[in-house]
Amino acid sequence: GKEREFVAVISWNGGNTVYADSVKGRFTVS
């Protein structure tokens, strides 16, 4: 019943990451 939402993204070489505020500090993308 909800829209698909962003969680985390990572650049092609892993050098940059961005997290949704709701998961920042708890989730890690690699």
mmCIF file of all heavy atoms, coordinates in Angstrom:
data_MODEL
# 
_entry.id   MODEL 
# 
loop_
_atom_site.group_PDB 
_atom_site.id 
_atom_site.type_symbol 
_atom_site.label_atom_id 
_atom_site.label_alt_id 
_atom_site.label_comp_id 
_atom_site.label_asym_id 
_atom_site.label_entity_id 
_atom_site.label_seq_id 
_atom_site.pdbx_PDB_ins_code 
_atom_site.Cartn_x 
_atom_site.Cartn_y 
_atom_site.Cartn_z 
_atom_site.occupancy 
_atom_site.B_iso_or_equiv 
_atom_site.pdbx_formal_charge 
_atom_site.auth_seq_id 
_atom_site.auth_comp_id 
_atom_site.auth_asym_id 
_atom_site.auth_atom_id 
_atom_site.pdbx_PDB_model_num 
ATOM 1   N N   . GLY A 1 1  ? 0.772  -1.225 0.000   1.00 0.00 ? 1  GLY A N   1 
ATOM 2   C CA  . GLY A 1 1  ? 0.000  0.000  0.000   1.00 0.00 ? 1  GLY A CA  1 
ATOM 3   C C   . GLY A 1 1  ? 0.806  1.280  0.000   1.00 0.00 ? 1  GLY A C   1 
ATOM 4   O O   . GLY A 1 1  ? 0.225  2.364  0.081   1.00 0.00 ? 1  GLY A O   1 
ATOM 5   N N   . LYS A 1 2  ? 2.127  1.171  -0.091  1.00 0.00 ? 2  LYS A N   1 
ATOM 6   C CA  . LYS A 1 2  ? 2.980  2.352  -0.062  1.00 0.00 ? 2  LYS A CA  1 
ATOM 7   C C   . LYS A 1 2  ? 3.812  2.453  -1.331  1.00 0.00 ? 2  LYS A C   1 
ATOM 8   O O   . LYS A 1 2  ? 3.992  1.478  -2.053  1.00 0.00 ? 2  LYS A O   1 
ATOM 9   C CB  . LYS A 1 2  ? 3.904  2.324  1.165   1.00 0.00 ? 2  LYS A CB  1 
ATOM 10  C CG  . LYS A 1 2  ? 3.178  2.370  2.502   1.00 0.00 ? 2  LYS A CG  1 
ATOM 11  C CD  . LYS A 1 2  ? 4.157  2.425  3.658   1.00 0.00 ? 2  LYS A CD  1 
ATOM 12  C CE  . LYS A 1 2  ? 3.440  2.509  4.988   1.00 0.00 ? 2  LYS A CE  1 
ATOM 13  N NZ  . LYS A 1 2  ? 4.395  2.566  6.123   1.00 0.00 ? 2  LYS A NZ  1 
ATOM 14  N N   . GLU A 1 3  ? 4.315  3.658  -1.578  1.00 0.00 ? 3  GLU A N   1 
ATOM 15  C CA  . GLU A 1 3  ? 5.185  3.886  -2.721  1.00 0.00 ? 3  GLU A CA  1 
ATOM 16  C C   . GLU A 1 3  ? 6.556  3.268  -2.481  1.00 0.00 ? 3  GLU A C   1 
ATOM 17  O O   . GLU A 1 3  ? 7.011  3.142  -1.344  1.00 0.00 ? 3  GLU A O   1 
ATOM 18  C CB  . GLU A 1 3  ? 5.340  5.382  -2.978  1.00 0.00 ? 3  GLU A CB  1 
ATOM 19  C CG  . GLU A 1 3  ? 4.076  6.089  -3.426  1.00 0.00 ? 3  GLU A CG  1 
ATOM 20  C CD  . GLU A 1 3  ? 3.728  5.764  -4.853  1.00 0.00 ? 3  GLU A CD  1 
ATOM 21  O OE1 . GLU A 1 3  ? 4.623  5.842  -5.722  1.00 0.00 ? 3  GLU A OE1 1 
ATOM 22  O OE2 . GLU A 1 3  ? 2.568  5.416  -5.116  1.00 0.00 ? 3  GLU A OE2 1 
ATOM 23  N N   . ARG A 1 4  ? 7.204  2.879  -3.555  1.00 0.00 ? 4  ARG A N   1 
ATOM 24  C CA  . ARG A 1 4  ? 8.573  2.414  -3.458  1.00 0.00 ? 4  ARG A CA  1 
ATOM 25  C C   . ARG A 1 4  ? 9.457  3.592  -3.050  1.00 0.00 ? 4  ARG A C   1 
ATOM 26  O O   . ARG A 1 4  ? 9.372  4.679  -3.634  1.00 0.00 ? 4  ARG A O   1 
ATOM 27  C CB  . ARG A 1 4  ? 9.039  1.828  -4.788  1.00 0.00 ? 4  ARG A CB  1 
ATOM 28  C CG  . ARG A 1 4  ? 10.399 1.164  -4.733  1.00 0.00 ? 4  ARG A CG  1 
ATOM 29  C CD  . ARG A 1 4  ? 10.670 0.352  -5.988  1.00 0.00 ? 4  ARG A CD  1 
ATOM 30  N NE  . ARG A 1 4  ? 9.694  -0.710 -6.161  1.00 0.00 ? 4  ARG A NE  1 
ATOM 31  C CZ  . ARG A 1 4  ? 9.761  -1.640 -7.103  1.00 0.00 ? 4  ARG A CZ  1 
ATOM 32  N NH1 . ARG A 1 4  ? 10.772 -1.638 -7.963  1.00 0.00 ? 4  ARG A NH1 1 
ATOM 33  N NH2 . ARG A 1 4  ? 8.817  -2.559 -7.183  1.00 0.00 ? 4  ARG A NH2 1 
ATOM 34  N N   . GLU A 1 5  ? 10.316 3.387  -2.043  1.00 0.00 ? 5  GLU A N   1 
ATOM 35  C CA  . GLU A 1 5  ? 11.108 4.479  -1.521  1.00 0.00 ? 5  GLU A CA  1 
ATOM 36  C C   . GLU A 1 5  ? 12.596 4.171  -1.544  1.00 0.00 ? 5  GLU A C   1 
ATOM 37  O O   . GLU A 1 5  ? 13.026 3.020  -1.460  1.00 0.00 ? 5  GLU A O   1 
ATOM 38  C CB  . GLU A 1 5  ? 10.672 4.833  -0.089  1.00 0.00 ? 5  GLU A CB  1 
ATOM 39  C CG  . GLU A 1 5  ? 10.946 3.750  0.931   1.00 0.00 ? 5  GLU A CG  1 
ATOM 40  C CD  . GLU A 1 5  ? 10.592 4.176  2.351   1.00 0.00 ? 5  GLU A CD  1 
ATOM 41  O OE1 . GLU A 1 5  ? 10.229 5.349  2.560   1.00 0.00 ? 5  GLU A OE1 1 
ATOM 42  O OE2 . GLU A 1 5  ? 10.684 3.318  3.258   1.00 0.00 ? 5  GLU A OE2 1 
ATOM 43  N N   . PHE A 1 6  ? 13.351 5.222  -1.647  1.00 0.00 ? 6  PHE A N   1 
ATOM 44  C CA  . PHE A 1 6  ? 14.801 5.164  -1.650  1.00 0.00 ? 6  PHE A CA  1 
ATOM 45  C C   . PHE A 1 6  ? 15.326 4.744  -0.281  1.00 0.00 ? 6  PHE A C   1 
ATOM 46  O O   . PHE A 1 6  ? 14.821 5.189  0.756   1.00 0.00 ? 6  PHE A O   1 
ATOM 47  C CB  . PHE A 1 6  ? 15.337 6.545  -2.042  1.00 0.00 ? 6  PHE A CB  1 
ATOM 48  C CG  . PHE A 1 6  ? 16.721 6.842  -1.558  1.00 0.00 ? 6  PHE A CG  1 
ATOM 49  C CD1 . PHE A 1 6  ? 17.820 6.218  -2.129  1.00 0.00 ? 6  PHE A CD1 1 
ATOM 50  C CD2 . PHE A 1 6  ? 16.922 7.761  -0.554  1.00 0.00 ? 6  PHE A CD2 1 
ATOM 51  C CE1 . PHE A 1 6  ? 19.099 6.504  -1.693  1.00 0.00 ? 6  PHE A CE1 1 
ATOM 52  C CE2 . PHE A 1 6  ? 18.198 8.059  -0.112  1.00 0.00 ? 6  PHE A CE2 1 
ATOM 53  C CZ  . PHE A 1 6  ? 19.276 7.429  -0.684  1.00 0.00 ? 6  PHE A CZ  1 
ATOM 54  N N   . VAL A 1 7  ? 16.336 3.885  -0.263  1.00 0.00 ? 7  VAL A N   1 
ATOM 55  C CA  . VAL A 1 7  ? 16.999 3.473  0.967   1.00 0.00 ? 7  VAL A CA  1 
ATOM 56  C C   . VAL A 1 7  ? 18.458 3.926  0.966   1.00 0.00 ? 7  VAL A C   1 
ATOM 57  O O   . VAL A 1 7  ? 18.905 4.614  1.879   1.00 0.00 ? 7  VAL A O   1 
ATOM 58  C CB  . VAL A 1 7  ? 16.926 1.954  1.174   1.00 0.00 ? 7  VAL A CB  1 
ATOM 59  C CG1 . VAL A 1 7  ? 17.720 1.541  2.411   1.00 0.00 ? 7  VAL A CG1 1 
ATOM 60  C CG2 . VAL A 1 7  ? 15.478 1.496  1.296   1.00 0.00 ? 7  VAL A CG2 1 
ATOM 61  N N   . ALA A 1 8  ? 19.210 3.532  -0.050  1.00 0.00 ? 8  ALA A N   1 
ATOM 62  C CA  . ALA A 1 8  ? 20.622 3.876  -0.128  1.00 0.00 ? 8  ALA A CA  1 
ATOM 63  C C   . ALA A 1 8  ? 21.105 3.724  -1.560  1.00 0.00 ? 8  ALA A C   1 
ATOM 64  O O   . ALA A 1 8  ? 20.618 2.872  -2.295  1.00 0.00 ? 8  ALA A O   1 
ATOM 65  C CB  . ALA A 1 8  ? 21.463 2.994  0.803   1.00 0.00 ? 8  ALA A CB  1 
ATOM 66  N N   . VAL A 1 9  ? 22.068 4.544  -1.953  1.00 0.00 ? 9  VAL A N   1 
ATOM 67  C CA  . VAL A 1 9  ? 22.700 4.420  -3.259  1.00 0.00 ? 9  VAL A CA  1 
ATOM 68  C C   . VAL A 1 9  ? 24.206 4.455  -3.086  1.00 0.00 ? 9  VAL A C   1 
ATOM 69  O O   . VAL A 1 9  ? 24.720 5.009  -2.114  1.00 0.00 ? 9  VAL A O   1 
ATOM 70  C CB  . VAL A 1 9  ? 22.262 5.524  -4.248  1.00 0.00 ? 9  VAL A CB  1 
ATOM 71  C CG1 . VAL A 1 9  ? 20.798 5.362  -4.610  1.00 0.00 ? 9  VAL A CG1 1 
ATOM 72  C CG2 . VAL A 1 9  ? 22.526 6.905  -3.678  1.00 0.00 ? 9  VAL A CG2 1 
ATOM 73  N N   . ILE A 1 10 ? 24.908 3.873  -4.050  1.00 0.00 ? 10 ILE A N   1 
ATOM 74  C CA  . ILE A 1 10 ? 26.359 3.821  -4.024  1.00 0.00 ? 10 ILE A CA  1 
ATOM 75  C C   . ILE A 1 10 ? 26.870 4.039  -5.436  1.00 0.00 ? 10 ILE A C   1 
ATOM 76  O O   . ILE A 1 10 ? 26.308 3.516  -6.401  1.00 0.00 ? 10 ILE A O   1 
ATOM 77  C CB  . ILE A 1 10 ? 26.858 2.480  -3.425  1.00 0.00 ? 10 ILE A CB  1 
ATOM 78  C CG1 . ILE A 1 10 ? 28.377 2.479  -3.271  1.00 0.00 ? 10 ILE A CG1 1 
ATOM 79  C CG2 . ILE A 1 10 ? 26.378 1.300  -4.272  1.00 0.00 ? 10 ILE A CG2 1 
ATOM 80  C CD1 . ILE A 1 10 ? 28.880 1.307  -2.424  1.00 0.00 ? 10 ILE A CD1 1 
ATOM 81  N N   . SER A 1 11 ? 27.920 4.830  -5.565  1.00 0.00 ? 11 SER A N   1 
ATOM 82  C CA  . SER A 1 11 ? 28.463 5.134  -6.877  1.00 0.00 ? 11 SER A CA  1 
ATOM 83  C C   . SER A 1 11 ? 29.151 3.910  -7.475  1.00 0.00 ? 11 SER A C   1 
ATOM 84  O O   . SER A 1 11 ? 29.414 2.920  -6.789  1.00 0.00 ? 11 SER A O   1 
ATOM 85  C CB  . SER A 1 11 ? 29.442 6.303  -6.792  1.00 0.00 ? 11 SER A CB  1 
ATOM 86  O OG  . SER A 1 11 ? 30.514 6.009  -5.910  1.00 0.00 ? 11 SER A OG  1 
ATOM 87  N N   . TRP A 1 12 ? 29.468 4.004  -8.756  1.00 0.00 ? 12 TRP A N   1 
ATOM 88  C CA  . TRP A 1 12 ? 29.981 2.842  -9.483  1.00 0.00 ? 12 TRP A CA  1 
ATOM 89  C C   . TRP A 1 12 ? 31.249 2.261  -8.862  1.00 0.00 ? 12 TRP A C   1 
ATOM 90  O O   . TRP A 1 12 ? 31.470 1.043  -8.911  1.00 0.00 ? 12 TRP A O   1 
ATOM 91  C CB  . TRP A 1 12 ? 30.239 3.213  -10.944 1.00 0.00 ? 12 TRP A CB  1 
ATOM 92  C CG  . TRP A 1 12 ? 31.412 4.134  -11.133 1.00 0.00 ? 12 TRP A CG  1 
ATOM 93  C CD1 . TRP A 1 12 ? 31.410 5.495  -11.066 1.00 0.00 ? 12 TRP A CD1 1 
ATOM 94  C CD2 . TRP A 1 12 ? 32.752 3.755  -11.421 1.00 0.00 ? 12 TRP A CD2 1 
ATOM 95  N NE1 . TRP A 1 12 ? 32.663 5.992  -11.293 1.00 0.00 ? 12 TRP A NE1 1 
ATOM 96  C CE2 . TRP A 1 12 ? 33.509 4.943  -11.512 1.00 0.00 ? 12 TRP A CE2 1 
ATOM 97  C CE3 . TRP A 1 12 ? 33.393 2.529  -11.619 1.00 0.00 ? 12 TRP A CE3 1 
ATOM 98  C CZ2 . TRP A 1 12 ? 34.878 4.932  -11.779 1.00 0.00 ? 12 TRP A CZ2 1 
ATOM 99  C CZ3 . TRP A 1 12 ? 34.755 2.521  -11.889 1.00 0.00 ? 12 TRP A CZ3 1 
ATOM 100 C CH2 . TRP A 1 12 ? 35.482 3.710  -11.970 1.00 0.00 ? 12 TRP A CH2 1 
ATOM 101 N N   . ASN A 1 13 ? 32.094 3.117  -8.290  1.00 0.00 ? 13 ASN A N   1 
ATOM 102 C CA  . ASN A 1 13 ? 33.344 2.652  -7.694  1.00 0.00 ? 13 ASN A CA  1 
ATOM 103 C C   . ASN A 1 13 ? 33.277 2.557  -6.178  1.00 0.00 ? 13 ASN A C   1 
ATOM 104 O O   . ASN A 1 13 ? 34.294 2.293  -5.535  1.00 0.00 ? 13 ASN A O   1 
ATOM 105 C CB  . ASN A 1 13 ? 34.491 3.570  -8.109  1.00 0.00 ? 13 ASN A CB  1 
ATOM 106 C CG  . ASN A 1 13 ? 34.295 5.005  -7.645  1.00 0.00 ? 13 ASN A CG  1 
ATOM 107 O OD1 . ASN A 1 13 ? 33.286 5.345  -7.036  1.00 0.00 ? 13 ASN A OD1 1 
ATOM 108 N ND2 . ASN A 1 13 ? 35.259 5.854  -7.942  1.00 0.00 ? 13 ASN A ND2 1 
ATOM 109 N N   . GLY A 1 14 ? 32.089 2.769  -5.613  1.00 0.00 ? 14 GLY A N   1 
ATOM 110 C CA  . GLY A 1 14 ? 31.922 2.696  -4.171  1.00 0.00 ? 14 GLY A CA  1 
ATOM 111 C C   . GLY A 1 14 ? 32.393 3.910  -3.411  1.00 0.00 ? 14 GLY A C   1 
ATOM 112 O O   . GLY A 1 14 ? 32.341 3.919  -2.178  1.00 0.00 ? 14 GLY A O   1 
ATOM 113 N N   . GLY A 1 15 ? 32.844 4.942  -4.114  1.00 0.00 ? 15 GLY A N   1 
ATOM 114 C CA  . GLY A 1 15 ? 33.406 6.100  -3.452  1.00 0.00 ? 15 GLY A CA  1 
ATOM 115 C C   . GLY A 1 15 ? 32.403 7.023  -2.795  1.00 0.00 ? 15 GLY A C   1 
ATOM 116 O O   . GLY A 1 15 ? 32.764 7.764  -1.872  1.00 0.00 ? 15 GLY A O   1 
ATOM 117 N N   . ASN A 1 16 ? 31.168 7.005  -3.264  1.00 0.00 ? 16 ASN A N   1 
ATOM 118 C CA  . ASN A 1 16 ? 30.129 7.880  -2.723  1.00 0.00 ? 16 ASN A CA  1 
ATOM 119 C C   . ASN A 1 16 ? 28.908 7.067  -2.334  1.00 0.00 ? 16 ASN A C   1 
ATOM 120 O O   . ASN A 1 16 ? 28.505 6.153  -3.064  1.00 0.00 ? 16 ASN A O   1 
ATOM 121 C CB  . ASN A 1 16 ? 29.741 8.943  -3.742  1.00 0.00 ? 16 ASN A CB  1 
ATOM 122 C CG  . ASN A 1 16 ? 30.862 9.923  -4.024  1.00 0.00 ? 16 ASN A CG  1 
ATOM 123 O OD1 . ASN A 1 16 ? 31.509 10.427 -3.111  1.00 0.00 ? 16 ASN A OD1 1 
ATOM 124 N ND2 . ASN A 1 16 ? 31.100 10.197 -5.299  1.00 0.00 ? 16 ASN A ND2 1 
ATOM 125 N N   . THR A 1 17 ? 28.315 7.408  -1.197  1.00 0.00 ? 17 THR A N   1 
ATOM 126 C CA  . THR A 1 17 ? 27.080 6.775  -0.749  1.00 0.00 ? 17 THR A CA  1 
ATOM 127 C C   . THR A 1 17 ? 26.130 7.834  -0.219  1.00 0.00 ? 17 THR A C   1 
ATOM 128 O O   . THR A 1 17 ? 26.553 8.857  0.314   1.00 0.00 ? 17 THR A O   1 
ATOM 129 C CB  . THR A 1 17 ? 27.331 5.734  0.355   1.00 0.00 ? 17 THR A CB  1 
ATOM 130 O OG1 . THR A 1 17 ? 28.006 6.354  1.457   1.00 0.00 ? 17 THR A OG1 1 
ATOM 131 C CG2 . THR A 1 17 ? 28.183 4.589  -0.172  1.00 0.00 ? 17 THR A CG2 1 
ATOM 132 N N   . VAL A 1 18 ? 24.829 7.581  -0.365  1.00 0.00 ? 18 VAL A N   1 
ATOM 133 C CA  . VAL A 1 18 ? 23.788 8.445  0.167   1.00 0.00 ? 18 VAL A CA  1 
ATOM 134 C C   . VAL A 1 18 ? 22.728 7.553  0.800   1.00 0.00 ? 18 VAL A C   1 
ATOM 135 O O   . VAL A 1 18 ? 22.358 6.525  0.230   1.00 0.00 ? 18 VAL A O   1 
ATOM 136 C CB  . VAL A 1 18 ? 23.148 9.333  -0.916  1.00 0.00 ? 18 VAL A CB  1 
ATOM 137 C CG1 . VAL A 1 18 ? 22.058 10.222 -0.313  1.00 0.00 ? 18 VAL A CG1 1 
ATOM 138 C CG2 . VAL A 1 18 ? 24.203 10.204 -1.591  1.00 0.00 ? 18 VAL A CG2 1 
ATOM 139 N N   . TYR A 1 19 ? 22.236 7.961  1.985   1.00 0.00 ? 19 TYR A N   1 
ATOM 140 C CA  . TYR A 1 19 ? 21.250 7.182  2.709   1.00 0.00 ? 19 TYR A CA  1 
ATOM 141 C C   . TYR A 1 19 ? 20.000 8.001  2.976   1.00 0.00 ? 19 TYR A C   1 
ATOM 142 O O   . TYR A 1 19 ? 20.068 9.218  3.185   1.00 0.00 ? 19 TYR A O   1 
ATOM 143 C CB  . TYR A 1 19 ? 21.806 6.714  4.057   1.00 0.00 ? 19 TYR A CB  1 
ATOM 144 C CG  . TYR A 1 19 ? 22.985 5.787  3.949   1.00 0.00 ? 19 TYR A CG  1 
ATOM 145 C CD1 . TYR A 1 19 ? 24.286 6.274  3.948   1.00 0.00 ? 19 TYR A CD1 1 
ATOM 146 C CD2 . TYR A 1 19 ? 22.791 4.412  3.855   1.00 0.00 ? 19 TYR A CD2 1 
ATOM 147 C CE1 . TYR A 1 19 ? 25.367 5.415  3.850   1.00 0.00 ? 19 TYR A CE1 1 
ATOM 148 C CE2 . TYR A 1 19 ? 23.871 3.551  3.760   1.00 0.00 ? 19 TYR A CE2 1 
ATOM 149 C CZ  . TYR A 1 19 ? 25.157 4.058  3.760   1.00 0.00 ? 19 TYR A CZ  1 
ATOM 150 O OH  . TYR A 1 19 ? 26.228 3.204  3.666   1.00 0.00 ? 19 TYR A OH  1 
ATOM 151 N N   . ALA A 1 20 ? 18.860 7.326  2.987   1.00 0.00 ? 20 ALA A N   1 
ATOM 152 C CA  . ALA A 1 20 ? 17.636 7.962  3.437   1.00 0.00 ? 20 ALA A CA  1 
ATOM 153 C C   . ALA A 1 20 ? 17.760 8.289  4.921   1.00 0.00 ? 20 ALA A C   1 
ATOM 154 O O   . ALA A 1 20 ? 18.403 7.567  5.686   1.00 0.00 ? 20 ALA A O   1 
ATOM 155 C CB  . ALA A 1 20 ? 16.438 7.042  3.198   1.00 0.00 ? 20 ALA A CB  1 
ATOM 156 N N   . ASP A 1 21 ? 17.126 9.387  5.336   1.00 0.00 ? 21 ASP A N   1 
ATOM 157 C CA  . ASP A 1 21 ? 17.200 9.787  6.735   1.00 0.00 ? 21 ASP A CA  1 
ATOM 158 C C   . ASP A 1 21 ? 16.694 8.695  7.675   1.00 0.00 ? 21 ASP A C   1 
ATOM 159 O O   . ASP A 1 21 ? 17.185 8.552  8.797   1.00 0.00 ? 21 ASP A O   1 
ATOM 160 C CB  . ASP A 1 21 ? 16.402 11.071 6.967   1.00 0.00 ? 21 ASP A CB  1 
ATOM 161 C CG  . ASP A 1 21 ? 17.067 12.287 6.349   1.00 0.00 ? 21 ASP A CG  1 
ATOM 162 O OD1 . ASP A 1 21 ? 18.276 12.242 6.073   1.00 0.00 ? 21 ASP A OD1 1 
ATOM 163 O OD2 . ASP A 1 21 ? 16.369 13.304 6.157   1.00 0.00 ? 21 ASP A OD2 1 
ATOM 164 N N   . SER A 1 22 ? 15.730 7.918  7.225   1.00 0.00 ? 22 SER A N   1 
ATOM 165 C CA  . SER A 1 22 ? 15.119 6.904  8.069   1.00 0.00 ? 22 SER A CA  1 
ATOM 166 C C   . SER A 1 22 ? 16.063 5.750  8.404   1.00 0.00 ? 22 SER A C   1 
ATOM 167 O O   . SER A 1 22 ? 15.829 5.028  9.379   1.00 0.00 ? 22 SER A O   1 
ATOM 168 C CB  . SER A 1 22 ? 13.850 6.354  7.404   1.00 0.00 ? 22 SER A CB  1 
ATOM 169 O OG  . SER A 1 22 ? 14.150 5.786  6.142   1.00 0.00 ? 22 SER A OG  1 
ATOM 170 N N   . VAL A 1 23 ? 17.124 5.564  7.611   1.00 0.00 ? 23 VAL A N   1 
ATOM 171 C CA  . VAL A 1 23 ? 18.042 4.449  7.839   1.00 0.00 ? 23 VAL A CA  1 
ATOM 172 C C   . VAL A 1 23 ? 19.461 4.906  8.142   1.00 0.00 ? 23 VAL A C   1 
ATOM 173 O O   . VAL A 1 23 ? 20.316 4.072  8.459   1.00 0.00 ? 23 VAL A O   1 
ATOM 174 C CB  . VAL A 1 23 ? 18.065 3.487  6.634   1.00 0.00 ? 23 VAL A CB  1 
ATOM 175 C CG1 . VAL A 1 23 ? 16.657 3.028  6.291   1.00 0.00 ? 23 VAL A CG1 1 
ATOM 176 C CG2 . VAL A 1 23 ? 18.730 4.137  5.426   1.00 0.00 ? 23 VAL A CG2 1 
ATOM 177 N N   . LYS A 1 24 ? 19.721 6.191  8.062   1.00 0.00 ? 24 LYS A N   1 
ATOM 178 C CA  . LYS A 1 24 ? 21.065 6.718  8.282   1.00 0.00 ? 24 LYS A CA  1 
ATOM 179 C C   . LYS A 1 24 ? 21.555 6.344  9.676   1.00 0.00 ? 24 LYS A C   1 
ATOM 180 O O   . LYS A 1 24 ? 20.860 6.537  10.674  1.00 0.00 ? 24 LYS A O   1 
ATOM 181 C CB  . LYS A 1 24 ? 21.070 8.229  8.092   1.00 0.00 ? 24 LYS A CB  1 
ATOM 182 C CG  . LYS A 1 24 ? 22.454 8.857  8.020   1.00 0.00 ? 24 LYS A CG  1 
ATOM 183 C CD  . LYS A 1 24 ? 22.353 10.349 7.692   1.00 0.00 ? 24 LYS A CD  1 
ATOM 184 C CE  . LYS A 1 24 ? 21.665 10.579 6.361   1.00 0.00 ? 24 LYS A CE  1 
ATOM 185 N NZ  . LYS A 1 24 ? 21.575 12.024 6.028   1.00 0.00 ? 24 LYS A NZ  1 
ATOM 186 N N   . GLY A 1 25 ? 22.762 5.802  9.733   1.00 0.00 ? 25 GLY A N   1 
ATOM 187 C CA  . GLY A 1 25 ? 23.333 5.371  10.995  1.00 0.00 ? 25 GLY A CA  1 
ATOM 188 C C   . GLY A 1 25 ? 23.043 3.928  11.349  1.00 0.00 ? 25 GLY A C   1 
ATOM 189 O O   . GLY A 1 25 ? 23.699 3.377  12.244  1.00 0.00 ? 25 GLY A O   1 
ATOM 190 N N   . ARG A 1 26 ? 22.072 3.319  10.683  1.00 0.00 ? 26 ARG A N   1 
ATOM 191 C CA  . ARG A 1 26 ? 21.715 1.923  10.937  1.00 0.00 ? 26 ARG A CA  1 
ATOM 192 C C   . ARG A 1 26 ? 22.079 1.000  9.778   1.00 0.00 ? 26 ARG A C   1 
ATOM 193 O O   . ARG A 1 26 ? 22.426 -0.158 10.002  1.00 0.00 ? 26 ARG A O   1 
ATOM 194 C CB  . ARG A 1 26 ? 20.214 1.789  11.212  1.00 0.00 ? 26 ARG A CB  1 
ATOM 195 C CG  . ARG A 1 26 ? 19.749 2.539  12.452  1.00 0.00 ? 26 ARG A CG  1 
ATOM 196 C CD  . ARG A 1 26 ? 18.303 2.182  12.788  1.00 0.00 ? 26 ARG A CD  1 
ATOM 197 N NE  . ARG A 1 26 ? 17.377 2.581  11.726  1.00 0.00 ? 26 ARG A NE  1 
ATOM 198 C CZ  . ARG A 1 26 ? 16.561 1.760  11.089  1.00 0.00 ? 26 ARG A CZ  1 
ATOM 199 N NH1 . ARG A 1 26 ? 16.537 0.462  11.416  1.00 0.00 ? 26 ARG A NH1 1 
ATOM 200 N NH2 . ARG A 1 26 ? 15.745 2.205  10.149  1.00 0.00 ? 26 ARG A NH2 1 
ATOM 201 N N   . PHE A 1 27 ? 21.977 1.490  8.546   1.00 0.00 ? 27 PHE A N   1 
ATOM 202 C CA  . PHE A 1 27 ? 22.233 0.687  7.353   1.00 0.00 ? 27 PHE A CA  1 
ATOM 203 C C   . PHE A 1 27 ? 23.544 1.119  6.709   1.00 0.00 ? 27 PHE A C   1 
ATOM 204 O O   . PHE A 1 27 ? 23.917 2.300  6.743   1.00 0.00 ? 27 PHE A O   1 
ATOM 205 C CB  . PHE A 1 27 ? 21.117 0.848  6.325   1.00 0.00 ? 27 PHE A CB  1 
ATOM 206 C CG  . PHE A 1 27 ? 19.790 0.258  6.714   1.00 0.00 ? 27 PHE A CG  1 
ATOM 207 C CD1 . PHE A 1 27 ? 19.554 -0.230 7.985   1.00 0.00 ? 27 PHE A CD1 1 
ATOM 208 C CD2 . PHE A 1 27 ? 18.769 0.187  5.777   1.00 0.00 ? 27 PHE A CD2 1 
ATOM 209 C CE1 . PHE A 1 27 ? 18.326 -0.770 8.338   1.00 0.00 ? 27 PHE A CE1 1 
ATOM 210 C CE2 . PHE A 1 27 ? 17.539 -0.352 6.113   1.00 0.00 ? 27 PHE A CE2 1 
ATOM 211 C CZ  . PHE A 1 27 ? 17.314 -0.830 7.396   1.00 0.00 ? 27 PHE A CZ  1 
ATOM 212 N N   . THR A 1 28 ? 24.237 0.164  6.089   1.00 0.00 ? 28 THR A N   1 
ATOM 213 C CA  . THR A 1 28 ? 25.465 0.438  5.365   1.00 0.00 ? 28 THR A CA  1 
ATOM 214 C C   . THR A 1 28 ? 25.430 -0.272 4.018   1.00 0.00 ? 28 THR A C   1 
ATOM 215 O O   . THR A 1 28 ? 25.234 -1.487 3.966   1.00 0.00 ? 28 THR A O   1 
ATOM 216 C CB  . THR A 1 28 ? 26.704 -0.019 6.147   1.00 0.00 ? 28 THR A CB  1 
ATOM 217 O OG1 . THR A 1 28 ? 26.746 0.634  7.422   1.00 0.00 ? 28 THR A OG1 1 
ATOM 218 C CG2 . THR A 1 28 ? 27.974 0.331  5.371   1.00 0.00 ? 28 THR A CG2 1 
ATOM 219 N N   . VAL A 1 29 ? 25.621 0.479  2.937   1.00 0.00 ? 29 VAL A N   1 
ATOM 220 C CA  . VAL A 1 29 ? 25.660 -0.094 1.602   1.00 0.00 ? 29 VAL A CA  1 
ATOM 221 C C   . VAL A 1 29 ? 27.112 -0.215 1.159   1.00 0.00 ? 29 VAL A C   1 
ATOM 222 O O   . VAL A 1 29 ? 27.938 0.662  1.452   1.00 0.00 ? 29 VAL A O   1 
ATOM 223 C CB  . VAL A 1 29 ? 24.841 0.749  0.606   1.00 0.00 ? 29 VAL A CB  1 
ATOM 224 C CG1 . VAL A 1 29 ? 25.411 2.158  0.456   1.00 0.00 ? 29 VAL A CG1 1 
ATOM 225 C CG2 . VAL A 1 29 ? 24.763 0.050  -0.750  1.00 0.00 ? 29 VAL A CG2 1 
ATOM 226 N N   . SER A 1 30 ? 27.433 -1.300 0.481   1.00 0.00 ? 30 SER A N   1 
ATOM 227 C CA  . SER A 1 30 ? 28.775 -1.516 -0.031  1.00 0.00 ? 30 SER A CA  1 
ATOM 228 C C   . SER A 1 30 ? 28.685 -2.325 -1.321  1.00 0.00 ? 30 SER A C   1 
ATOM 229 O O   . SER A 1 30 ? 27.629 -2.852 -1.660  1.00 0.00 ? 30 SER A O   1 
ATOM 230 C CB  . SER A 1 30 ? 29.653 -2.237 1.005   1.00 0.00 ? 30 SER A CB  1 
ATOM 231 O OG  . SER A 1 30 ? 29.124 -3.511 1.319   1.00 0.00 ? 30 SER A OG  1 
# 
